[in-house]
Amino acid sequence: ISRFMSKPRYSHLQAAFRTLKYLKNVPGKGLFYVVHNPHRIQAFSNLDWATCYITRKSITGYCIFYNNYLIAWKSKKQNTISRSSIKA
């Protein structure tokens, strides 16, 4: 939803309302971590070259797991346009 803040449309407002409705209906949900030994950290990343067909900008993302529990994640459209997948 945040991707469309500069030019919002009615469909984006509807998506925001659906998200808020979901959050309202699941107030007791949360993250639950069980103690494990040994500790294990896994990290995954991905890059899609020129994913956005309008701007041709690439999207980068990663997620980090601690004992199979997701603890950090990010997805970002790059600020610049890469001419090859190596530079992306």
N, C-alpha and C. Protein backbone atom coordinates (compact mmCIF):
# COMPACT_ATOMS: atom_id res chain seq x y z
N ILE A 1 0.83 -1.18 0.00
CA ILE A 1 0.00 0.00 0.00
C ILE A 1 0.88 1.25 0.00
N SER A 2 1.97 1.22 0.76
CA SER A 2 2.82 2.42 0.86
C SER A 2 3.47 2.78 -0.47
N ARG A 3 3.56 1.84 -1.37
CA ARG A 3 4.16 2.09 -2.68
C ARG A 3 3.36 3.12 -3.47
N PHE A 4 2.07 3.26 -3.16
CA PHE A 4 1.19 4.12 -3.95
C PHE A 4 0.80 5.41 -3.24
N MET A 5 1.58 5.85 -2.26
CA MET A 5 1.25 7.05 -1.50
C MET A 5 1.30 8.32 -2.35
N SER A 6 2.13 8.35 -3.37
CA SER A 6 2.22 9.57 -4.19
C SER A 6 1.04 9.73 -5.13
N LYS A 7 0.43 8.62 -5.55
CA LYS A 7 -0.74 8.68 -6.44
C LYS A 7 -1.79 7.67 -5.98
N PRO A 8 -2.40 7.91 -4.82
CA PRO A 8 -3.36 6.93 -4.31
C PRO A 8 -4.64 6.90 -5.15
N ARG A 9 -5.22 5.72 -5.21
CA ARG A 9 -6.49 5.51 -5.91
C ARG A 9 -7.47 4.86 -4.94
N TYR A 10 -8.69 4.77 -5.37
CA TYR A 10 -9.73 4.18 -4.53
C TYR A 10 -9.41 2.72 -4.18
N SER A 11 -8.83 1.98 -5.12
CA SER A 11 -8.48 0.58 -4.85
C SER A 11 -7.43 0.46 -3.74
N HIS A 12 -6.55 1.45 -3.62
CA HIS A 12 -5.55 1.44 -2.55
C HIS A 12 -6.22 1.71 -1.20
N LEU A 13 -7.20 2.59 -1.19
CA LEU A 13 -7.96 2.85 0.04
C LEU A 13 -8.69 1.59 0.48
N GLN A 14 -9.27 0.89 -0.47
CA GLN A 14 -9.96 -0.37 -0.15
C GLN A 14 -8.98 -1.38 0.44
N ALA A 15 -7.78 -1.47 -0.12
CA ALA A 15 -6.77 -2.39 0.41
C ALA A 15 -6.37 -2.00 1.83
N ALA A 16 -6.25 -0.71 2.10
CA ALA A 16 -5.93 -0.25 3.45
C ALA A 16 -7.03 -0.62 4.43
N PHE A 17 -8.29 -0.45 4.02
CA PHE A 17 -9.41 -0.82 4.89
C PHE A 17 -9.44 -2.32 5.16
N ARG A 18 -9.14 -3.13 4.14
CA ARG A 18 -9.09 -4.59 4.34
C ARG A 18 -8.00 -4.96 5.34
N THR A 19 -6.86 -4.29 5.24
CA THR A 19 -5.76 -4.54 6.18
C THR A 19 -6.16 -4.16 7.60
N LEU A 20 -6.77 -3.00 7.77
CA LEU A 20 -7.22 -2.56 9.10
C LEU A 20 -8.29 -3.49 9.66
N LYS A 21 -9.20 -3.96 8.82
CA LYS A 21 -10.24 -4.88 9.26
C LYS A 21 -9.62 -6.19 9.75
N TYR A 22 -8.62 -6.68 9.03
CA TYR A 22 -7.93 -7.90 9.45
C TYR A 22 -7.26 -7.69 10.80
N LEU A 23 -6.54 -6.59 10.96
CA LEU A 23 -5.85 -6.32 12.22
C LEU A 23 -6.83 -6.17 13.38
N LYS A 24 -7.99 -5.58 13.12
CA LYS A 24 -9.00 -5.41 14.16
C LYS A 24 -9.56 -6.76 14.61
N ASN A 25 -9.69 -7.71 13.69
CA ASN A 25 -10.29 -9.00 14.00
C ASN A 25 -9.32 -10.01 14.60
N VAL A 26 -8.04 -9.70 14.68
CA VAL A 26 -7.06 -10.62 15.25
C VAL A 26 -6.23 -9.95 16.35
N PRO A 27 -6.88 -9.33 17.36
CA PRO A 27 -6.10 -8.61 18.37
C PRO A 27 -5.25 -9.52 19.25
N GLY A 28 -5.64 -10.77 19.42
CA GLY A 28 -4.90 -11.68 20.28
C GLY A 28 -3.73 -12.36 19.60
N LYS A 29 -3.62 -12.19 18.31
CA LYS A 29 -2.53 -12.83 17.57
C LYS A 29 -1.23 -12.08 17.85
N GLY A 30 -0.15 -12.79 17.75
CA GLY A 30 1.15 -12.17 17.97
C GLY A 30 2.25 -13.13 17.60
N LEU A 31 3.45 -12.79 17.94
CA LEU A 31 4.59 -13.65 17.69
C LEU A 31 4.89 -14.45 18.96
N PHE A 32 5.08 -15.74 18.80
CA PHE A 32 5.35 -16.62 19.93
C PHE A 32 6.63 -17.37 19.65
N TYR A 33 7.61 -17.24 20.53
CA TYR A 33 8.91 -17.88 20.35
C TYR A 33 9.12 -18.92 21.43
N VAL A 34 9.47 -20.13 21.02
CA VAL A 34 9.76 -21.22 21.95
C VAL A 34 11.27 -21.32 22.09
N VAL A 35 11.74 -21.60 23.31
CA VAL A 35 13.17 -21.71 23.55
C VAL A 35 13.68 -23.01 22.94
N HIS A 36 14.74 -22.91 22.12
CA HIS A 36 15.36 -24.07 21.48
C HIS A 36 16.85 -24.05 21.77
N ASN A 37 17.42 -25.21 21.78
CA ASN A 37 18.88 -25.33 21.80
C ASN A 37 19.24 -26.36 20.75
N PRO A 38 20.21 -26.22 19.95
CA PRO A 38 21.09 -25.06 19.83
C PRO A 38 20.41 -23.94 19.04
N HIS A 39 20.98 -22.77 19.15
CA HIS A 39 20.44 -21.61 18.45
C HIS A 39 20.82 -21.70 16.96
N ARG A 40 19.88 -21.34 16.11
CA ARG A 40 20.12 -21.42 14.67
C ARG A 40 19.58 -20.16 13.99
N ILE A 41 20.43 -19.52 13.21
CA ILE A 41 20.04 -18.33 12.46
C ILE A 41 20.17 -18.64 10.97
N GLN A 42 19.12 -18.33 10.21
CA GLN A 42 19.13 -18.50 8.77
C GLN A 42 18.75 -17.17 8.13
N ALA A 43 19.38 -16.86 7.01
CA ALA A 43 19.06 -15.64 6.28
C ALA A 43 18.90 -15.97 4.80
N PHE A 44 17.90 -15.37 4.19
CA PHE A 44 17.63 -15.56 2.77
C PHE A 44 17.46 -14.20 2.12
N SER A 45 17.92 -14.10 0.88
CA SER A 45 17.73 -12.85 0.14
C SER A 45 17.36 -13.17 -1.30
N ASN A 46 16.80 -12.17 -1.95
CA ASN A 46 16.39 -12.35 -3.34
C ASN A 46 16.41 -10.99 -4.04
N LEU A 47 16.63 -11.03 -5.32
CA LEU A 47 16.65 -9.82 -6.13
C LEU A 47 15.94 -10.12 -7.44
N ASP A 48 14.99 -9.30 -7.79
CA ASP A 48 14.32 -9.40 -9.08
C ASP A 48 14.74 -8.22 -9.92
N TRP A 49 15.39 -8.50 -11.03
CA TRP A 49 15.92 -7.44 -11.89
C TRP A 49 14.82 -6.83 -12.73
N ALA A 50 14.68 -5.52 -12.67
CA ALA A 50 13.71 -4.75 -13.47
C ALA A 50 12.30 -5.30 -13.33
N THR A 51 11.90 -5.60 -12.10
CA THR A 51 10.59 -6.20 -11.83
C THR A 51 9.44 -5.27 -12.19
N CYS A 52 9.55 -4.03 -11.81
CA CYS A 52 8.47 -3.08 -12.07
C CYS A 52 8.44 -2.74 -13.56
N TYR A 53 7.38 -3.13 -14.24
CA TYR A 53 7.31 -2.92 -15.68
C TYR A 53 7.13 -1.45 -16.05
N ILE A 54 6.75 -0.63 -15.09
CA ILE A 54 6.57 0.80 -15.37
C ILE A 54 7.90 1.55 -15.25
N THR A 55 8.61 1.34 -14.14
CA THR A 55 9.85 2.07 -13.89
C THR A 55 11.10 1.28 -14.24
N ARG A 56 10.98 -0.03 -14.44
CA ARG A 56 12.11 -0.93 -14.71
C ARG A 56 13.09 -0.98 -13.54
N LYS A 57 12.64 -0.64 -12.35
CA LYS A 57 13.50 -0.71 -11.17
C LYS A 57 13.45 -2.11 -10.58
N SER A 58 14.55 -2.51 -9.96
CA SER A 58 14.66 -3.82 -9.34
C SER A 58 14.12 -3.80 -7.92
N ILE A 59 13.76 -4.97 -7.43
CA ILE A 59 13.27 -5.11 -6.06
C ILE A 59 14.18 -6.09 -5.32
N THR A 60 14.63 -5.68 -4.15
CA THR A 60 15.50 -6.49 -3.31
C THR A 60 14.74 -6.84 -2.04
N GLY A 61 14.97 -8.04 -1.53
CA GLY A 61 14.32 -8.42 -0.29
C GLY A 61 15.16 -9.41 0.50
N TYR A 62 14.91 -9.46 1.80
CA TYR A 62 15.57 -10.45 2.64
C TYR A 62 14.67 -10.81 3.81
N CYS A 63 14.95 -11.95 4.40
CA CYS A 63 14.28 -12.35 5.65
C CYS A 63 15.28 -13.13 6.49
N ILE A 64 15.18 -12.96 7.80
CA ILE A 64 16.08 -13.61 8.75
C ILE A 64 15.24 -14.40 9.73
N PHE A 65 15.64 -15.66 9.93
CA PHE A 65 14.94 -16.55 10.84
C PHE A 65 15.84 -16.92 12.01
N TYR A 66 15.26 -16.98 13.20
CA TYR A 66 15.95 -17.47 14.39
C TYR A 66 15.16 -18.68 14.88
N ASN A 67 15.78 -19.85 14.82
CA ASN A 67 15.11 -21.11 15.18
C ASN A 67 13.78 -21.26 14.45
N ASN A 68 13.79 -21.02 13.15
CA ASN A 68 12.61 -21.14 12.28
C ASN A 68 11.54 -20.09 12.53
N TYR A 69 11.82 -19.06 13.32
CA TYR A 69 10.87 -17.97 13.56
C TYR A 69 11.37 -16.73 12.82
N LEU A 70 10.50 -16.13 12.06
CA LEU A 70 10.86 -14.92 11.31
C LEU A 70 11.05 -13.76 12.29
N ILE A 71 12.24 -13.16 12.27
CA ILE A 71 12.52 -12.06 13.20
C ILE A 71 12.80 -10.74 12.49
N ALA A 72 13.15 -10.78 11.19
CA ALA A 72 13.41 -9.53 10.46
C ALA A 72 13.16 -9.77 8.98
N TRP A 73 12.66 -8.74 8.30
CA TRP A 73 12.42 -8.85 6.86
C TRP A 73 12.36 -7.46 6.26
N LYS A 74 12.61 -7.40 4.98
CA LYS A 74 12.53 -6.12 4.27
C LYS A 74 12.40 -6.39 2.78
N SER A 75 11.65 -5.56 2.12
CA SER A 75 11.51 -5.59 0.67
C SER A 75 11.55 -4.14 0.20
N LYS A 76 12.38 -3.86 -0.79
CA LYS A 76 12.55 -2.47 -1.21
C LYS A 76 12.76 -2.38 -2.71
N LYS A 77 12.08 -1.41 -3.31
CA LYS A 77 12.34 -1.09 -4.72
C LYS A 77 13.57 -0.20 -4.76
N GLN A 78 14.52 -0.54 -5.61
CA GLN A 78 15.77 0.21 -5.69
C GLN A 78 15.53 1.62 -6.22
N ASN A 79 16.38 2.56 -5.80
CA ASN A 79 16.25 3.96 -6.21
C ASN A 79 16.72 4.21 -7.65
N THR A 80 17.63 3.36 -8.12
CA THR A 80 18.19 3.56 -9.45
C THR A 80 17.79 2.42 -10.38
N ILE A 81 17.95 2.63 -11.67
CA ILE A 81 17.64 1.61 -12.67
C ILE A 81 18.95 0.96 -13.10
N SER A 82 19.00 -0.37 -13.02
CA SER A 82 20.19 -1.12 -13.42
C SER A 82 20.04 -1.59 -14.86
N ARG A 83 21.12 -1.52 -15.60
CA ARG A 83 21.07 -1.95 -17.00
C ARG A 83 21.37 -3.43 -17.16
N SER A 84 21.84 -4.08 -16.10
CA SER A 84 22.07 -5.52 -16.16
C SER A 84 21.78 -6.12 -14.80
N SER A 85 21.58 -7.43 -14.77
CA SER A 85 21.28 -8.10 -13.50
C SER A 85 22.49 -8.13 -12.58
N ILE A 86 23.69 -8.03 -13.11
CA ILE A 86 24.90 -8.02 -12.28
C ILE A 86 24.97 -6.74 -11.45
N LYS A 87 24.58 -5.61 -12.04
CA LYS A 87 24.62 -4.33 -11.33
C LYS A 87 23.44 -4.14 -10.39
N ALA A 88 22.37 -4.91 -10.60
CA ALA A 88 21.18 -4.77 -9.77
C ALA A 88 21.50 -5.18 -8.36
